Amino acid sequence: MKHLDEKYQDILLDILHNGVEKEDRTGTGTLSVFGKQFRHNMADGFPLLTTKKMAWKVMVTELLWFLRGDTNIKWLVENKCNIWNGDAYKAYRIKVQDHYEKGGDVADMSQFLELVKEGGISEFGDLGPVYGKQWRNWFQYNKHVEPVHVDQIAVLIDQLKTNPDSRRLMVSAWNVGDLDQMVLPPCHYGFQCYVREGKYLSLMWNQRSVDTFLGLPFNIASYGLLLEILAKEVGMIPDELIGNFGDVHLYSNHIEQAREQLTRVPFELSTLVINDEFWNPDASFLSQIDHIQPDDFYIKKYESHARIKAPLSN
């Protein structure tokens, strides 16, 4: 049975050996292959890569942000998660372009982040109807009644408890009518759950665009954590984590970093620990989400190689 890191390294090797050169929206350029799948048995350990050190708290913070239904980076910035800062600042600059062209002042990045922290003005830090909005507050139009909003995560949890053999245990972030309002259309656009023997819970996510060096290790761990949270909420055992990928690529400025990671031998996988103090069994997880903090999830006995620095392409 291959180690988690070895499965990831196989994807890196495939891109390096078989990838074709493609242009992309960032102007960086990529090596790309199309159509890959990743599978991991959760019984083998938590899926956090060991061939480079992972930013665990950053990943947890982003997932909790999704589950809160948030779309403004204020909470992320307050929790030192800066991965969406560039996209938010770019959206802000577009919004104030007319003001800038008329000679008005425009905040630089540091000033912008201070405005975000102050809050109160939605234009500072809002990303549009991205993941959290779609997961927790999907707009459903019905011409015969008032429009309603669907909490897909709440529906999923209810169905896992009441109808676990359903083939409709799905959540989608790809809301076609909202795409042009998002700062970035969803890369990982949906996931589906599957229950085996009434107690083993698996999760499969679908991803149209895969930044293999920086993004994919993050996505694997994030959906692994989501699977653990869902399983705990519905009283099941985490089973298999599966990822289906479309355009799987390495940016041209990540090639040497990928080659370095391929030289590294994996360590034993770690274990996830969830702080049970916040988990009130008499209340739903979602009803407590605003009080849950990134430090409520930690990794036990995580051993890894050093970080490998690489530029973010956005």
Protein backbone atom coordinates (compact mmCIF):
# COMPACT_ATOMS: atom_id res chain seq x y z
CA MET A 1 0.00 0.00 0.00
CA LYS A 2 1.48 3.33 -1.06
CA HIS A 3 2.02 6.12 1.44
CA LEU A 4 -0.05 9.31 1.10
CA ASP A 5 3.03 11.28 0.04
CA GLU A 6 3.99 8.67 -2.55
CA LYS A 7 0.56 8.97 -4.17
CA TYR A 8 1.02 12.73 -4.30
CA GLN A 9 4.54 12.33 -5.68
CA ASP A 10 3.15 10.07 -8.43
CA ILE A 11 1.00 13.00 -9.59
CA LEU A 12 4.04 15.30 -9.60
CA LEU A 13 5.97 12.74 -11.67
CA ASP A 14 3.15 12.35 -14.17
CA ILE A 15 3.04 16.10 -14.76
CA LEU A 16 6.83 16.36 -15.11
CA HIS A 17 7.00 13.42 -17.53
CA ASN A 18 3.77 13.85 -19.50
CA GLY A 19 2.59 17.40 -18.96
CA VAL A 20 2.03 19.76 -21.88
CA GLU A 21 2.87 23.45 -21.75
CA LYS A 22 -0.20 25.64 -21.41
CA GLU A 23 -0.85 29.34 -20.90
CA ASP A 24 -3.04 30.38 -17.96
CA ARG A 25 -4.92 33.39 -16.59
CA THR A 26 -2.01 34.39 -14.31
CA GLY A 27 0.45 34.67 -17.19
CA THR A 28 2.87 32.31 -15.43
CA GLY A 29 2.52 29.26 -17.66
CA THR A 30 2.03 25.64 -16.61
CA LEU A 31 2.84 22.01 -17.30
CA SER A 32 -0.54 20.29 -17.34
CA VAL A 33 -2.20 16.88 -17.54
CA PHE A 34 -5.92 16.18 -17.59
CA GLY A 35 -7.91 13.75 -15.47
CA LYS A 36 -6.36 12.33 -12.30
CA GLN A 37 -7.73 10.66 -9.18
CA PHE A 38 -6.38 10.55 -5.62
CA ARG A 39 -7.50 8.05 -2.94
CA HIS A 40 -6.59 7.76 0.73
CA ASN A 41 -7.84 5.42 3.45
CA MET A 42 -8.36 7.52 6.57
CA ALA A 43 -7.47 4.52 8.75
CA ASP A 44 -3.88 4.94 7.53
CA GLY A 45 -3.56 8.32 9.25
CA PHE A 46 -4.60 11.93 8.74
CA PRO A 47 -3.82 13.09 5.16
CA LEU A 48 -1.30 15.83 5.92
CA LEU A 49 1.76 15.59 3.68
CA THR A 50 5.11 14.96 5.36
CA THR A 51 7.53 15.60 2.47
CA LYS A 52 7.21 19.31 3.20
CA LYS A 53 5.95 21.13 6.27
CA MET A 54 2.31 22.14 5.92
CA ALA A 55 0.65 25.30 7.27
CA TRP A 56 -1.90 23.40 9.36
CA LYS A 57 -3.55 26.31 11.16
CA VAL A 58 -3.98 28.27 7.91
CA MET A 59 -5.78 25.31 6.33
CA VAL A 60 -8.07 24.80 9.35
CA THR A 61 -8.90 28.51 9.43
CA GLU A 62 -9.97 28.56 5.79
CA LEU A 63 -12.21 25.48 6.19
CA LEU A 64 -13.91 26.95 9.27
CA TRP A 65 -14.40 30.17 7.29
CA PHE A 66 -16.20 28.20 4.59
CA LEU A 67 -18.35 26.43 7.17
CA ARG A 68 -19.26 29.75 8.80
CA GLY A 69 -20.73 30.82 5.45
CA ASP A 70 -18.41 33.83 5.38
CA THR A 71 -17.23 35.61 2.23
CA ASN A 72 -15.26 38.50 3.73
CA ILE A 73 -11.59 38.01 4.60
CA LYS A 74 -11.89 39.93 7.90
CA TRP A 75 -12.11 36.77 10.03
CA LEU A 76 -9.29 35.17 8.04
CA VAL A 77 -7.01 38.17 8.53
CA GLU A 78 -7.81 38.29 12.25
CA ASN A 79 -6.70 34.65 12.44
CA LYS A 80 -3.51 35.24 10.41
CA CYS A 81 -4.75 33.40 7.33
CA ASN A 82 -3.61 35.50 4.37
CA ILE A 83 -4.19 33.22 1.38
CA TRP A 84 -7.14 35.24 0.06
CA ASN A 85 -5.61 38.69 0.61
CA GLY A 86 -4.38 39.09 -2.96
CA ASP A 87 -7.75 38.21 -4.49
CA ALA A 88 -9.59 40.52 -2.09
CA TYR A 89 -7.21 43.41 -2.80
CA LYS A 90 -7.56 42.87 -6.54
CA ALA A 91 -11.37 43.02 -6.19
CA TYR A 92 -11.07 46.21 -4.13
CA ARG A 93 -8.87 47.86 -6.79
CA ILE A 94 -11.44 47.05 -9.47
CA LYS A 95 -14.22 48.56 -7.36
CA VAL A 96 -12.32 51.84 -6.81
CA GLN A 97 -10.87 52.10 -10.32
CA ASP A 98 -13.05 55.08 -11.30
CA HIS A 99 -12.10 56.87 -8.10
CA TYR A 100 -8.42 56.21 -8.79
CA GLU A 101 -8.59 57.44 -12.40
CA LYS A 102 -10.07 60.71 -11.16
CA GLY A 103 -7.03 61.28 -8.96
CA GLY A 104 -8.39 59.90 -5.70
CA ASP A 105 -6.33 58.01 -3.14
CA VAL A 106 -6.34 54.23 -3.18
CA ALA A 107 -5.14 52.13 -0.25
CA ASP A 108 -2.04 50.00 -0.67
CA MET A 109 -2.15 46.39 0.58
CA SER A 110 -1.24 47.16 4.20
CA GLN A 111 -3.73 50.04 4.38
CA PHE A 112 -6.36 47.84 2.76
CA LEU A 113 -5.90 45.11 5.37
CA GLU A 114 -6.30 47.67 8.15
CA LEU A 115 -9.59 48.76 6.55
CA VAL A 116 -10.65 45.11 6.42
CA LYS A 117 -9.91 44.65 10.12
CA GLU A 118 -11.97 47.74 10.96
CA GLY A 119 -14.95 46.19 9.18
CA GLY A 120 -18.24 47.94 8.65
CA ILE A 121 -17.87 48.45 4.88
CA SER A 122 -18.57 45.33 2.85
CA GLU A 123 -16.46 46.43 -0.11
CA PHE A 124 -13.33 46.02 1.99
CA GLY A 125 -12.47 42.34 1.90
CA ASP A 126 -15.60 40.84 0.35
CA LEU A 127 -14.98 38.15 -2.27
CA GLY A 128 -18.50 37.83 -3.60
CA PRO A 129 -20.63 34.66 -3.29
CA VAL A 130 -17.73 32.20 -3.02
CA TYR A 131 -17.55 28.84 -1.25
CA GLY A 132 -19.07 29.70 2.12
CA LYS A 133 -22.02 31.51 0.56
CA GLN A 134 -22.83 28.55 -1.68
CA TRP A 135 -22.29 25.90 1.02
CA ARG A 136 -24.41 27.63 3.65
CA ASN A 137 -26.70 30.03 1.79
CA TRP A 138 -27.44 28.88 -1.77
CA PHE A 139 -30.02 31.13 -3.40
CA GLN A 140 -33.01 29.18 -4.71
CA TYR A 141 -35.42 31.02 -6.96
CA ASN A 142 -39.06 30.01 -7.20
CA LYS A 143 -41.36 32.24 -9.24
CA HIS A 144 -44.41 31.12 -7.26
CA VAL A 145 -43.09 31.91 -3.78
CA GLU A 146 -40.59 34.16 -2.08
CA PRO A 147 -36.96 33.22 -2.88
CA VAL A 148 -35.41 30.91 -0.28
CA HIS A 149 -31.85 30.15 0.75
CA VAL A 150 -30.61 26.58 1.17
CA ASP A 151 -28.05 25.60 3.81
CA GLN A 152 -26.45 22.72 1.90
CA ILE A 153 -24.24 21.63 4.80
CA ALA A 154 -27.20 21.44 7.18
CA VAL A 155 -29.18 19.46 4.58
CA LEU A 156 -26.24 17.10 4.06
CA ILE A 157 -25.87 16.43 7.80
CA ASP A 158 -29.59 15.79 8.15
CA GLN A 159 -29.57 13.37 5.20
CA LEU A 160 -26.54 11.53 6.56
CA LYS A 161 -28.47 10.95 9.78
CA THR A 162 -31.86 10.11 8.29
CA ASN A 163 -31.16 8.69 4.82
CA PRO A 164 -27.51 7.53 4.71
CA ASP A 165 -28.01 5.31 1.64
CA SER A 166 -29.09 8.27 -0.48
CA ARG A 167 -27.16 8.97 -3.67
CA ARG A 168 -27.88 12.68 -3.26
CA LEU A 169 -25.49 13.41 -0.40
CA MET A 170 -23.91 16.29 -2.28
CA VAL A 171 -22.82 19.90 -1.85
CA SER A 172 -22.07 22.22 -4.78
CA ALA A 173 -20.20 25.52 -4.94
CA TRP A 174 -20.64 25.90 -8.72
CA ASN A 175 -23.62 28.26 -8.89
CA VAL A 176 -23.63 29.30 -12.55
CA GLY A 177 -25.77 32.36 -11.91
CA ASP A 178 -23.26 33.68 -9.34
CA LEU A 179 -19.96 32.98 -11.10
CA ASP A 180 -19.50 36.46 -12.52
CA GLN A 181 -19.94 37.96 -9.04
CA MET A 182 -17.16 35.84 -7.50
CA VAL A 183 -13.60 37.12 -7.26
CA LEU A 184 -12.58 33.61 -8.39
CA PRO A 185 -14.84 30.76 -9.55
CA PRO A 186 -14.53 27.67 -7.34
CA CYS A 187 -11.57 25.41 -8.11
CA HIS A 188 -12.96 22.59 -5.96
CA TYR A 189 -16.57 22.91 -7.00
CA GLY A 190 -18.43 20.14 -5.21
CA PHE A 191 -18.28 17.07 -3.03
CA GLN A 192 -20.32 13.93 -2.40
CA CYS A 193 -20.57 11.63 0.62
CA TYR A 194 -21.07 7.87 0.68
CA VAL A 195 -21.98 5.65 3.64
CA ARG A 196 -20.92 2.01 3.79
CA GLU A 197 -22.57 -0.50 6.13
CA GLY A 198 -24.37 2.31 7.89
CA LYS A 199 -21.28 3.53 9.74
CA TYR A 200 -18.31 4.16 7.43
CA LEU A 201 -18.34 7.61 5.82
CA SER A 202 -16.39 8.47 2.66
CA LEU A 203 -16.05 11.80 0.89
CA MET A 204 -15.20 12.50 -2.75
CA TRP A 205 -14.52 16.02 -4.01
CA ASN A 206 -14.29 17.29 -7.59
CA GLN A 207 -11.80 19.94 -8.66
CA ARG A 208 -11.64 21.60 -12.07
CA SER A 209 -8.24 23.27 -11.58
CA VAL A 210 -5.45 21.87 -9.43
CA ASP A 211 -2.38 23.89 -8.43
CA THR A 212 -0.48 20.72 -7.66
CA PHE A 213 2.48 22.09 -5.72
CA LEU A 214 0.86 24.68 -3.46
CA GLY A 215 -2.87 24.00 -3.62
CA LEU A 216 -3.35 20.23 -3.79
CA PRO A 217 -1.65 19.33 -0.47
CA PHE A 218 -3.85 21.99 1.13
CA ASN A 219 -7.01 20.62 -0.54
CA ILE A 220 -6.25 17.05 0.52
CA ALA A 221 -5.85 18.01 4.18
CA SER A 222 -8.85 20.36 4.10
CA TYR A 223 -11.25 17.76 2.76
CA GLY A 224 -9.74 15.22 5.14
CA LEU A 225 -10.64 17.52 8.01
CA LEU A 226 -14.12 18.11 6.60
CA LEU A 227 -14.63 14.33 6.43
CA GLU A 228 -13.53 13.99 10.06
CA ILE A 229 -15.91 16.78 11.16
CA LEU A 230 -18.88 15.32 9.29
CA ALA A 231 -18.18 11.81 10.58
CA LYS A 232 -17.98 13.04 14.18
CA GLU A 233 -21.19 15.05 13.80
CA VAL A 234 -23.22 12.08 12.52
CA GLY A 235 -21.56 9.38 14.64
CA MET A 236 -19.73 7.55 11.84
CA ILE A 237 -16.17 6.41 11.12
CA PRO A 238 -14.09 8.27 8.49
CA ASP A 239 -13.43 5.83 5.68
CA GLU A 240 -12.04 6.89 2.28
CA LEU A 241 -11.07 10.30 0.94
CA ILE A 242 -11.16 10.63 -2.85
CA GLY A 243 -10.30 13.52 -5.15
CA ASN A 244 -11.24 13.75 -8.85
CA PHE A 245 -9.19 16.31 -10.78
CA GLY A 246 -9.54 18.05 -14.14
CA ASP A 247 -6.65 20.30 -15.21
CA VAL A 248 -3.79 19.15 -12.97
CA HIS A 249 -0.81 21.43 -13.32
CA LEU A 250 2.51 22.69 -12.06
CA TYR A 251 3.23 26.37 -12.55
CA SER A 252 6.49 26.99 -14.40
CA ASN A 253 7.95 28.63 -11.28
CA HIS A 254 7.19 25.52 -9.17
CA ILE A 255 9.07 22.95 -11.27
CA GLU A 256 12.30 22.91 -9.30
CA GLN A 257 10.43 22.86 -6.00
CA ALA A 258 8.47 19.80 -7.17
CA ARG A 259 11.70 18.05 -8.12
CA GLU A 260 13.10 18.75 -4.66
CA GLN A 261 10.01 17.30 -2.99
CA LEU A 262 10.34 14.15 -5.09
CA THR A 263 13.72 13.46 -3.46
CA ARG A 264 12.23 13.31 0.03
CA VAL A 265 11.23 10.14 1.87
CA PRO A 266 7.87 10.33 3.73
CA PHE A 267 7.48 10.15 7.49
CA GLU A 268 4.71 8.27 9.29
CA LEU A 269 1.34 10.02 9.08
CA SER A 270 0.01 11.94 12.06
CA THR A 271 -3.29 11.82 13.95
CA LEU A 272 -6.02 14.46 14.15
CA VAL A 273 -7.18 15.54 17.60
CA ILE A 274 -10.42 17.51 18.04
CA ASN A 275 -11.06 19.50 21.19
CA ASP A 276 -14.29 18.00 22.55
CA GLU A 277 -14.87 20.87 24.94
CA PHE A 278 -16.66 22.90 22.26
CA TRP A 279 -18.55 19.91 20.85
CA ASN A 280 -21.88 19.95 22.66
CA PRO A 281 -23.60 16.63 21.85
CA ASP A 282 -26.98 18.25 22.53
CA ALA A 283 -26.47 20.92 19.86
CA SER A 284 -25.54 20.74 16.19
CA PHE A 285 -22.02 21.46 15.03
CA LEU A 286 -23.27 24.28 12.79
CA SER A 287 -25.06 25.99 15.68
CA GLN A 288 -21.66 26.20 17.43
CA ILE A 289 -19.57 27.17 14.40
CA ASP A 290 -19.16 30.84 15.36
CA HIS A 291 -17.52 29.79 18.64
CA ILE A 292 -15.17 27.18 17.17
CA GLN A 293 -11.57 28.29 16.68
CA PRO A 294 -8.70 26.92 14.57
CA ASP A 295 -6.86 25.86 17.74
CA ASP A 296 -9.70 23.41 18.49
CA PHE A 297 -8.16 21.12 15.86
CA TYR A 298 -4.56 19.98 16.15
CA ILE A 299 -2.25 17.35 14.78
CA LYS A 300 -0.57 14.84 17.08
CA LYS A 301 2.96 13.62 16.34
CA TYR A 302 3.36 15.50 13.06
CA GLU A 303 6.84 14.95 11.65
CA SER A 304 7.78 16.45 8.30
CA HIS A 305 10.58 17.72 6.11
CA ALA A 306 11.21 21.47 5.94
CA ARG A 307 8.98 23.88 4.05
CA ILE A 308 9.67 24.45 0.37
CA LYS A 309 9.05 28.06 -0.59
CA ALA A 310 7.23 28.78 -3.84
CA PRO A 311 5.56 31.91 -5.25
CA LEU A 312 1.77 32.15 -5.27
CA SER A 313 0.30 32.58 -8.75
CA ASN A 314 -2.91 34.61 -8.73
